[in-house]
């Protein structure tokens, strides 16, 4: 059964703009292939981090709101964990 989720992830700030765009599309594709729908992505831009992560002082924030089965979220998070581009991520289920 599909549920509503919100995922925020932070990309390394030293990535080229085209790599950032490719990364965003990559994670949208993973969700779509796993049966997600209503994917709404917001590129929040580069911001200073509260503390240093992997020797990075800034990060590129991306927020995604979508409807998906739990297996799709698990698959995307698995990909986040092995990615060199992702500094941090957080997924929360919408309580509606």
N, C-alpha and C. Protein backbone atom coordinates (compact mmCIF):
# COMPACT_ATOMS: atom_id res chain seq x y z
N UNK A 1 0.84 -1.19 0.00
CA UNK A 1 0.00 0.00 0.00
C UNK A 1 0.88 1.25 0.00
N UNK A 2 0.60 2.16 -0.90
CA UNK A 2 1.40 3.37 -1.02
C UNK A 2 1.06 4.37 0.08
N UNK A 3 2.10 5.03 0.57
CA UNK A 3 1.94 6.06 1.59
C UNK A 3 2.69 7.30 1.14
N UNK A 4 2.38 8.43 1.79
CA UNK A 4 3.06 9.69 1.45
C UNK A 4 4.35 9.80 2.26
N UNK A 5 5.41 10.23 1.57
CA UNK A 5 6.71 10.41 2.20
C UNK A 5 7.32 11.74 1.81
N UNK A 6 8.24 12.20 2.64
CA UNK A 6 9.07 13.35 2.32
C UNK A 6 10.51 12.95 2.59
N UNK A 7 11.37 13.15 1.61
CA UNK A 7 12.79 12.85 1.77
C UNK A 7 13.58 14.11 1.50
N UNK A 8 14.51 14.40 2.39
CA UNK A 8 15.44 15.51 2.21
C UNK A 8 16.84 14.90 2.17
N UNK A 9 17.59 15.22 1.13
CA UNK A 9 18.96 14.74 1.10
C UNK A 9 19.90 15.89 0.76
N UNK A 10 21.15 15.74 1.22
CA UNK A 10 22.16 16.77 1.03
C UNK A 10 23.28 16.21 0.16
N UNK A 11 23.53 16.90 -0.94
CA UNK A 11 24.60 16.51 -1.87
C UNK A 11 25.86 17.31 -1.56
N UNK A 12 27.01 16.76 -1.95
CA UNK A 12 28.27 17.49 -1.78
C UNK A 12 28.21 18.80 -2.58
N UNK A 13 28.78 19.85 -2.01
CA UNK A 13 28.70 21.17 -2.65
C UNK A 13 29.67 21.32 -3.82
N UNK A 14 30.65 20.44 -3.94
CA UNK A 14 31.64 20.57 -5.02
C UNK A 14 31.21 19.88 -6.32
N UNK A 15 29.98 19.41 -6.39
CA UNK A 15 29.49 18.74 -7.61
C UNK A 15 29.10 19.77 -8.66
N UNK A 16 29.37 19.44 -9.92
CA UNK A 16 28.96 20.31 -11.02
C UNK A 16 27.43 20.29 -11.13
N UNK A 17 26.88 21.36 -11.68
CA UNK A 17 25.41 21.49 -11.78
C UNK A 17 24.79 20.34 -12.58
N UNK A 18 25.46 19.91 -13.64
CA UNK A 18 24.91 18.80 -14.44
C UNK A 18 24.94 17.49 -13.65
N UNK A 19 25.93 17.29 -12.79
CA UNK A 19 25.99 16.09 -11.95
C UNK A 19 24.87 16.12 -10.92
N UNK A 20 24.59 17.31 -10.38
CA UNK A 20 23.49 17.47 -9.43
C UNK A 20 22.17 17.10 -10.11
N UNK A 21 21.95 17.63 -11.31
CA UNK A 21 20.72 17.33 -12.05
C UNK A 21 20.60 15.83 -12.36
N UNK A 22 21.71 15.21 -12.76
CA UNK A 22 21.70 13.77 -13.05
C UNK A 22 21.39 12.96 -11.79
N UNK A 23 21.92 13.39 -10.66
CA UNK A 23 21.68 12.70 -9.39
C UNK A 23 20.21 12.80 -9.00
N UNK A 24 19.63 13.97 -9.15
CA UNK A 24 18.21 14.16 -8.83
C UNK A 24 17.35 13.24 -9.70
N UNK A 25 17.63 13.20 -11.00
CA UNK A 25 16.89 12.34 -11.93
C UNK A 25 17.09 10.87 -11.56
N UNK A 26 18.29 10.52 -11.16
CA UNK A 26 18.59 9.13 -10.79
C UNK A 26 17.67 8.66 -9.66
N UNK A 27 17.50 9.47 -8.63
CA UNK A 27 16.67 9.06 -7.49
C UNK A 27 15.18 9.12 -7.82
N UNK A 28 14.78 10.04 -8.68
CA UNK A 28 13.40 10.05 -9.15
C UNK A 28 13.10 8.78 -9.94
N UNK A 29 14.06 8.35 -10.77
CA UNK A 29 13.90 7.14 -11.57
C UNK A 29 13.80 5.90 -10.69
N UNK A 30 14.63 5.83 -9.66
CA UNK A 30 14.57 4.69 -8.74
C UNK A 30 13.18 4.59 -8.13
N UNK A 31 12.64 5.72 -7.68
CA UNK A 31 11.30 5.72 -7.08
C UNK A 31 10.24 5.30 -8.10
N UNK A 32 10.31 5.85 -9.30
CA UNK A 32 9.33 5.54 -10.33
C UNK A 32 9.35 4.06 -10.69
N UNK A 33 10.55 3.50 -10.84
CA UNK A 33 10.68 2.08 -11.18
C UNK A 33 10.14 1.18 -10.08
N UNK A 34 10.14 1.67 -8.84
CA UNK A 34 9.65 0.88 -7.71
C UNK A 34 8.17 1.13 -7.43
N UNK A 35 7.50 1.88 -8.29
CA UNK A 35 6.06 2.06 -8.17
C UNK A 35 5.61 3.33 -7.47
N UNK A 36 6.49 4.29 -7.32
CA UNK A 36 6.12 5.56 -6.69
C UNK A 36 5.39 6.47 -7.67
N UNK A 37 4.61 7.37 -7.14
CA UNK A 37 3.88 8.32 -7.97
C UNK A 37 3.86 9.68 -7.32
N UNK A 38 3.32 10.66 -8.03
CA UNK A 38 3.18 12.03 -7.52
C UNK A 38 4.49 12.56 -6.96
N UNK A 39 5.58 12.37 -7.69
CA UNK A 39 6.89 12.82 -7.21
C UNK A 39 7.03 14.32 -7.46
N UNK A 40 7.26 15.06 -6.40
CA UNK A 40 7.45 16.50 -6.47
C UNK A 40 8.82 16.81 -5.89
N UNK A 41 9.73 17.34 -6.71
CA UNK A 41 11.10 17.59 -6.28
C UNK A 41 11.38 19.08 -6.23
N UNK A 42 12.03 19.51 -5.16
CA UNK A 42 12.40 20.91 -4.99
C UNK A 42 13.91 20.99 -4.75
N UNK A 43 14.60 21.66 -5.65
CA UNK A 43 16.04 21.88 -5.54
C UNK A 43 16.20 23.11 -4.65
N UNK A 44 16.63 22.92 -3.42
CA UNK A 44 16.71 24.02 -2.44
C UNK A 44 17.99 24.83 -2.53
N UNK A 45 18.95 24.36 -3.29
CA UNK A 45 20.18 25.12 -3.50
C UNK A 45 21.26 24.83 -2.46
N UNK A 46 22.36 25.57 -2.60
CA UNK A 46 23.52 25.38 -1.74
C UNK A 46 23.35 26.19 -0.45
N UNK A 47 23.61 25.53 0.67
CA UNK A 47 23.51 26.20 1.97
C UNK A 47 24.65 25.77 2.86
N UNK A 48 24.97 26.61 3.81
CA UNK A 48 26.01 26.30 4.79
C UNK A 48 25.47 25.25 5.76
N UNK A 49 26.29 24.25 6.06
CA UNK A 49 25.90 23.20 6.99
C UNK A 49 26.11 23.68 8.43
N UNK A 50 25.33 23.14 9.35
CA UNK A 50 25.46 23.50 10.75
C UNK A 50 26.81 23.05 11.31
N UNK A 51 27.30 21.93 10.78
CA UNK A 51 28.61 21.42 11.17
C UNK A 51 29.20 20.68 9.97
N UNK A 52 30.50 20.49 9.99
CA UNK A 52 31.20 19.88 8.87
C UNK A 52 30.85 18.40 8.72
N UNK A 53 30.55 17.99 7.48
CA UNK A 53 30.26 16.59 7.16
C UNK A 53 31.23 16.15 6.08
N UNK A 54 32.02 15.12 6.34
CA UNK A 54 32.98 14.62 5.35
C UNK A 54 33.82 15.74 4.74
N UNK A 55 34.32 16.62 5.59
CA UNK A 55 35.16 17.76 5.19
C UNK A 55 34.44 18.76 4.28
N UNK A 56 33.11 18.76 4.32
CA UNK A 56 32.30 19.70 3.53
C UNK A 56 31.65 20.70 4.49
N UNK A 57 31.74 21.99 4.15
CA UNK A 57 31.11 23.02 4.99
C UNK A 57 29.79 23.49 4.41
N UNK A 58 29.54 23.17 3.14
CA UNK A 58 28.30 23.51 2.47
C UNK A 58 27.72 22.27 1.82
N UNK A 59 26.41 22.30 1.57
CA UNK A 59 25.76 21.19 0.90
C UNK A 59 24.64 21.68 0.02
N UNK A 60 24.26 20.87 -0.95
CA UNK A 60 23.16 21.18 -1.85
C UNK A 60 21.94 20.39 -1.38
N UNK A 61 20.90 21.09 -0.97
CA UNK A 61 19.72 20.46 -0.41
C UNK A 61 18.68 20.16 -1.48
N UNK A 62 18.12 18.95 -1.43
CA UNK A 62 17.07 18.55 -2.36
C UNK A 62 15.95 17.90 -1.54
N UNK A 63 14.71 18.35 -1.77
CA UNK A 63 13.55 17.81 -1.06
C UNK A 63 12.63 17.12 -2.06
N UNK A 64 12.16 15.92 -1.70
CA UNK A 64 11.22 15.19 -2.55
C UNK A 64 10.00 14.80 -1.73
N UNK A 65 8.83 15.08 -2.28
CA UNK A 65 7.56 14.63 -1.70
C UNK A 65 6.95 13.66 -2.70
N UNK A 66 6.49 12.51 -2.22
CA UNK A 66 6.00 11.49 -3.15
C UNK A 66 5.10 10.49 -2.42
N UNK A 67 4.41 9.69 -3.21
CA UNK A 67 3.60 8.59 -2.72
C UNK A 67 4.26 7.31 -3.22
N UNK A 68 4.53 6.39 -2.29
CA UNK A 68 5.25 5.17 -2.68
C UNK A 68 5.00 4.05 -1.69
N UNK A 69 5.20 2.81 -2.14
CA UNK A 69 5.18 1.69 -1.20
C UNK A 69 6.47 1.70 -0.37
N UNK A 70 6.45 1.16 0.83
CA UNK A 70 7.65 1.16 1.68
C UNK A 70 8.88 0.53 1.01
N UNK A 71 8.69 -0.46 0.16
CA UNK A 71 9.82 -1.11 -0.52
C UNK A 71 10.56 -0.12 -1.43
N UNK A 72 9.85 0.82 -2.03
CA UNK A 72 10.49 1.81 -2.90
C UNK A 72 11.39 2.73 -2.10
N UNK A 73 10.92 3.11 -0.92
CA UNK A 73 11.72 3.98 -0.04
C UNK A 73 12.98 3.24 0.40
N UNK A 74 12.83 1.98 0.76
CA UNK A 74 13.97 1.17 1.18
C UNK A 74 15.01 1.06 0.08
N UNK A 75 14.56 0.88 -1.15
CA UNK A 75 15.48 0.76 -2.29
C UNK A 75 16.23 2.07 -2.53
N UNK A 76 15.53 3.20 -2.43
CA UNK A 76 16.17 4.49 -2.63
C UNK A 76 17.19 4.76 -1.52
N UNK A 77 16.83 4.47 -0.27
CA UNK A 77 17.74 4.71 0.85
C UNK A 77 18.98 3.81 0.76
N UNK A 78 18.80 2.61 0.25
CA UNK A 78 19.94 1.72 0.04
C UNK A 78 20.92 2.36 -0.94
N UNK A 79 20.38 2.96 -1.99
CA UNK A 79 21.20 3.64 -2.98
C UNK A 79 21.88 4.88 -2.38
N UNK A 80 21.17 5.60 -1.49
CA UNK A 80 21.76 6.76 -0.80
C UNK A 80 22.99 6.34 0.00
N UNK A 81 22.89 5.22 0.70
CA UNK A 81 23.97 4.78 1.59
C UNK A 81 25.27 4.47 0.85
N UNK A 82 25.17 3.99 -0.38
CA UNK A 82 26.38 3.63 -1.12
C UNK A 82 26.86 4.75 -2.06
N UNK A 83 26.13 5.85 -2.11
CA UNK A 83 26.46 6.94 -3.02
C UNK A 83 27.57 7.83 -2.46
N UNK A 84 28.48 8.23 -3.33
CA UNK A 84 29.55 9.14 -2.97
C UNK A 84 29.05 10.59 -2.90
N UNK A 85 27.95 10.89 -3.60
CA UNK A 85 27.45 12.26 -3.68
C UNK A 85 26.65 12.70 -2.46
N UNK A 86 26.02 11.75 -1.78
CA UNK A 86 25.11 12.06 -0.68
C UNK A 86 25.87 12.20 0.64
N UNK A 87 25.69 13.35 1.32
CA UNK A 87 26.28 13.55 2.64
C UNK A 87 25.36 13.01 3.73
N UNK A 88 24.08 13.37 3.66
CA UNK A 88 23.08 12.93 4.64
C UNK A 88 21.72 12.85 3.96
N UNK A 89 20.81 12.07 4.56
CA UNK A 89 19.44 12.01 4.07
C UNK A 89 18.52 11.70 5.22
N UNK A 90 17.26 12.08 5.05
CA UNK A 90 16.23 11.79 6.05
C UNK A 90 14.90 11.60 5.32
N UNK A 91 14.22 10.52 5.63
CA UNK A 91 12.90 10.25 5.06
C UNK A 91 11.90 10.16 6.20
N UNK A 92 10.79 10.87 6.06
CA UNK A 92 9.72 10.80 7.05
C UNK A 92 8.41 10.49 6.32
N UNK A 93 7.55 9.72 7.00
CA UNK A 93 6.25 9.41 6.44
C UNK A 93 5.28 10.51 6.83
N UNK A 94 4.51 10.98 5.87
CA UNK A 94 3.52 12.03 6.11
C UNK A 94 2.37 11.42 6.89
N UNK A 95 1.95 12.05 7.96
CA UNK A 95 0.94 11.49 8.85
C UNK A 95 -0.49 11.63 8.38
N UNK A 96 -0.73 12.11 7.17
CA UNK A 96 -2.11 12.31 6.71
C UNK A 96 -2.84 11.01 6.54
